[in-house]
Amino acid sequence: MKKMLIMCGAGHATSTIVHSKVNDWLAKNNLTGQIEIKQSAVTEEIDNIKNGDYDIVISTTIVPEEIQSKVINGVGLLTGVGADKVWEQIKEQLSQQ
């Protein structure tokens, strides 16, 4: 099972919205039950991300430079602008692992 992290500044508001959208997307793409999703705050997850604890990381907030290459910018899922690109990045990450 793949592990996904959805995070925002505090781990509550915007990550909850994205979590809901990701759940809908997973269901639409017959992937429900294949991805374990955790929702959290950036500050609580930096070391876990560095250690490779997640297969996919989506953030709706700015992340430290040291983990930027491992994180998908999920703001497009909130605004709708660029959402297709975010979904493509998620698909790509799922297919790589």
C-alpha atoms as a PDB file:
ATOM      1  CA  MET A   1       0.000   0.000   0.000  1.00  0.00           C
ATOM      2  CA  LYS A   2       1.289   3.452  -0.942  1.00  0.00           C
ATOM      3  CA  LYS A   3       1.600   6.124   1.717  1.00  0.00           C
ATOM      4  CA  MET A   4       0.494   9.687   0.991  1.00  0.00           C
ATOM      5  CA  LEU A   5       0.871  12.766   3.171  1.00  0.00           C
ATOM      6  CA  ILE A   6      -1.336  15.803   2.697  1.00  0.00           C
ATOM      7  CA  MET A   7      -0.116  18.756   4.706  1.00  0.00           C
ATOM      8  CA  CYS A   8      -0.708  22.417   5.303  1.00  0.00           C
ATOM      9  CA  GLY A   9       0.488  24.959   7.843  1.00  0.00           C
ATOM     10  CA  ALA A  10      -1.466  23.593  10.805  1.00  0.00           C
ATOM     11  CA  GLY A  11      -2.698  20.278   9.432  1.00  0.00           C
ATOM     12  CA  HIS A  12      -6.379  21.191   9.571  1.00  0.00           C
ATOM     13  CA  ALA A  13      -8.045  23.576   7.141  1.00  0.00           C
ATOM     14  CA  THR A  14      -6.660  23.450   3.619  1.00  0.00           C
ATOM     15  CA  SER A  15      -5.275  19.948   3.989  1.00  0.00           C
ATOM     16  CA  THR A  16      -8.795  18.782   4.894  1.00  0.00           C
ATOM     17  CA  ILE A  17     -10.168  20.241   1.658  1.00  0.00           C
ATOM     18  CA  VAL A  18      -7.406  18.623  -0.397  1.00  0.00           C
ATOM     19  CA  HIS A  19      -7.845  15.327   1.468  1.00  0.00           C
ATOM     20  CA  SER A  20     -11.499  15.279   0.437  1.00  0.00           C
ATOM     21  CA  LYS A  21     -10.634  16.025  -3.191  1.00  0.00           C
ATOM     22  CA  VAL A  22      -7.946  13.345  -3.223  1.00  0.00           C
ATOM     23  CA  ASN A  23     -10.393  10.800  -1.799  1.00  0.00           C
ATOM     24  CA  ASP A  24     -12.873  11.656  -4.568  1.00  0.00           C
ATOM     25  CA  TRP A  25     -10.122  11.401  -7.195  1.00  0.00           C
ATOM     26  CA  LEU A  26      -8.960   8.040  -5.847  1.00  0.00           C
ATOM     27  CA  ALA A  27     -12.516   6.695  -5.979  1.00  0.00           C
ATOM     28  CA  LYS A  28     -12.995   8.005  -9.533  1.00  0.00           C
ATOM     29  CA  ASN A  29      -9.764   6.280 -10.596  1.00  0.00           C
ATOM     30  CA  ASN A  30     -10.502   2.976  -8.796  1.00  0.00           C
ATOM     31  CA  LEU A  31      -7.598   3.483  -6.397  1.00  0.00           C
ATOM     32  CA  THR A  32      -9.541   3.547  -3.133  1.00  0.00           C
ATOM     33  CA  GLY A  33      -7.938   1.217  -0.626  1.00  0.00           C
ATOM     34  CA  GLN A  34      -4.568   1.310  -2.381  1.00  0.00           C
ATOM     35  CA  ILE A  35      -3.371   4.536  -0.765  1.00  0.00           C
ATOM     36  CA  GLU A  36      -2.998   5.209   2.954  1.00  0.00           C
ATOM     37  CA  ILE A  37      -3.436   8.941   3.573  1.00  0.00           C
ATOM     38  CA  LYS A  38      -2.133  10.918   6.525  1.00  0.00           C
ATOM     39  CA  GLN A  39      -2.984  14.560   7.115  1.00  0.00           C
ATOM     40  CA  SER A  40      -0.611  16.744   9.116  1.00  0.00           C
ATOM     41  CA  ALA A  41       1.284  20.011   9.515  1.00  0.00           C
ATOM     42  CA  VAL A  42       4.521  20.741   7.655  1.00  0.00           C
ATOM     43  CA  THR A  43       6.541  21.291  10.821  1.00  0.00           C
ATOM     44  CA  GLU A  44       5.557  17.871  12.171  1.00  0.00           C
ATOM     45  CA  GLU A  45       6.605  16.000   9.035  1.00  0.00           C
ATOM     46  CA  ILE A  46       9.931  17.440   7.827  1.00  0.00           C
ATOM     47  CA  ASP A  47      12.046  14.591   9.221  1.00  0.00           C
ATOM     48  CA  ASN A  48       9.574  11.941   8.030  1.00  0.00           C
ATOM     49  CA  ILE A  49       9.686  13.377   4.513  1.00  0.00           C
ATOM     50  CA  LYS A  50      13.500  13.501   4.560  1.00  0.00           C
ATOM     51  CA  ASN A  51      13.530   9.854   5.671  1.00  0.00           C
ATOM     52  CA  GLY A  52      11.302   8.814   2.781  1.00  0.00           C
ATOM     53  CA  ASP A  53       8.393   7.699   4.952  1.00  0.00           C
ATOM     54  CA  TYR A  54       5.864   8.692   2.258  1.00  0.00           C
ATOM     55  CA  ASP A  55       5.504   7.748  -1.390  1.00  0.00           C
ATOM     56  CA  ILE A  56       3.640  10.963  -2.210  1.00  0.00           C
ATOM     57  CA  VAL A  57       3.608  14.293  -0.363  1.00  0.00           C
ATOM     58  CA  ILE A  58       1.177  17.091  -1.214  1.00  0.00           C
ATOM     59  CA  SER A  59       1.390  20.485   0.458  1.00  0.00           C
ATOM     60  CA  THR A  60      -0.851  23.545   0.346  1.00  0.00           C
ATOM     61  CA  THR A  61       1.717  25.755   2.000  1.00  0.00           C
ATOM     62  CA  ILE A  62       5.352  26.742   1.579  1.00  0.00           C
ATOM     63  CA  VAL A  63       7.783  23.991   2.539  1.00  0.00           C
ATOM     64  CA  PRO A  64      11.433  24.249   3.585  1.00  0.00           C
ATOM     65  CA  GLU A  65      13.939  24.165   0.732  1.00  0.00           C
ATOM     66  CA  GLU A  66      15.451  20.891   1.969  1.00  0.00           C
ATOM     67  CA  ILE A  67      12.249  18.960   1.138  1.00  0.00           C
ATOM     68  CA  GLN A  68      10.892  20.937  -1.845  1.00  0.00           C
ATOM     69  CA  SER A  69      12.018  18.329  -4.381  1.00  0.00           C
ATOM     70  CA  LYS A  70       9.964  15.655  -2.584  1.00  0.00           C
ATOM     71  CA  VAL A  71       6.733  17.664  -2.366  1.00  0.00           C
ATOM     72  CA  ILE A  72       3.925  18.315  -4.842  1.00  0.00           C
ATOM     73  CA  ASN A  73       2.493  21.818  -4.601  1.00  0.00           C
ATOM     74  CA  GLY A  74      -1.218  21.156  -4.044  1.00  0.00           C
ATOM     75  CA  VAL A  75      -2.507  24.748  -4.161  1.00  0.00           C
ATOM     76  CA  GLY A  76      -4.006  24.027  -7.581  1.00  0.00           C
ATOM     77  CA  LEU A  77      -6.366  21.550  -5.936  1.00  0.00           C
ATOM     78  CA  LEU A  78      -7.690  24.375  -3.756  1.00  0.00           C
ATOM     79  CA  THR A  79      -8.020  27.024  -6.445  1.00  0.00           C
ATOM     80  CA  GLY A  80      -8.727  24.857  -9.468  1.00  0.00           C
ATOM     81  CA  VAL A  81      -5.990  26.700 -11.365  1.00  0.00           C
ATOM     82  CA  GLY A  82      -3.451  24.098 -12.413  1.00  0.00           C
ATOM     83  CA  ALA A  83      -5.323  21.219 -10.796  1.00  0.00           C
ATOM     84  CA  ASP A  84      -4.810  19.010 -13.866  1.00  0.00           C
ATOM     85  CA  LYS A  85      -1.053  19.412 -13.487  1.00  0.00           C
ATOM     86  CA  VAL A  86      -1.259  18.378  -9.822  1.00  0.00           C
ATOM     87  CA  TRP A  87      -3.279  15.260 -10.691  1.00  0.00           C
ATOM     88  CA  GLU A  88      -0.698  14.376 -13.352  1.00  0.00           C
ATOM     89  CA  GLN A  89       2.114  14.725 -10.808  1.00  0.00           C
ATOM     90  CA  ILE A  90       0.231  12.452  -8.410  1.00  0.00           C
ATOM     91  CA  LYS A  91      -0.322   9.861 -11.163  1.00  0.00           C
ATOM     92  CA  GLU A  92       3.359  10.024 -12.030  1.00  0.00           C
ATOM     93  CA  GLN A  93       4.395   9.477  -8.417  1.00  0.00           C
ATOM     94  CA  LEU A  94       2.019   6.520  -8.110  1.00  0.00           C
ATOM     95  CA  SER A  95       3.427   4.882 -11.214  1.00  0.00           C
ATOM     96  CA  GLN A  96       7.073   5.294 -10.126  1.00  0.00           C
ATOM     97  CA  GLN A  97       6.805   3.257  -6.989  1.00  0.00           C
END
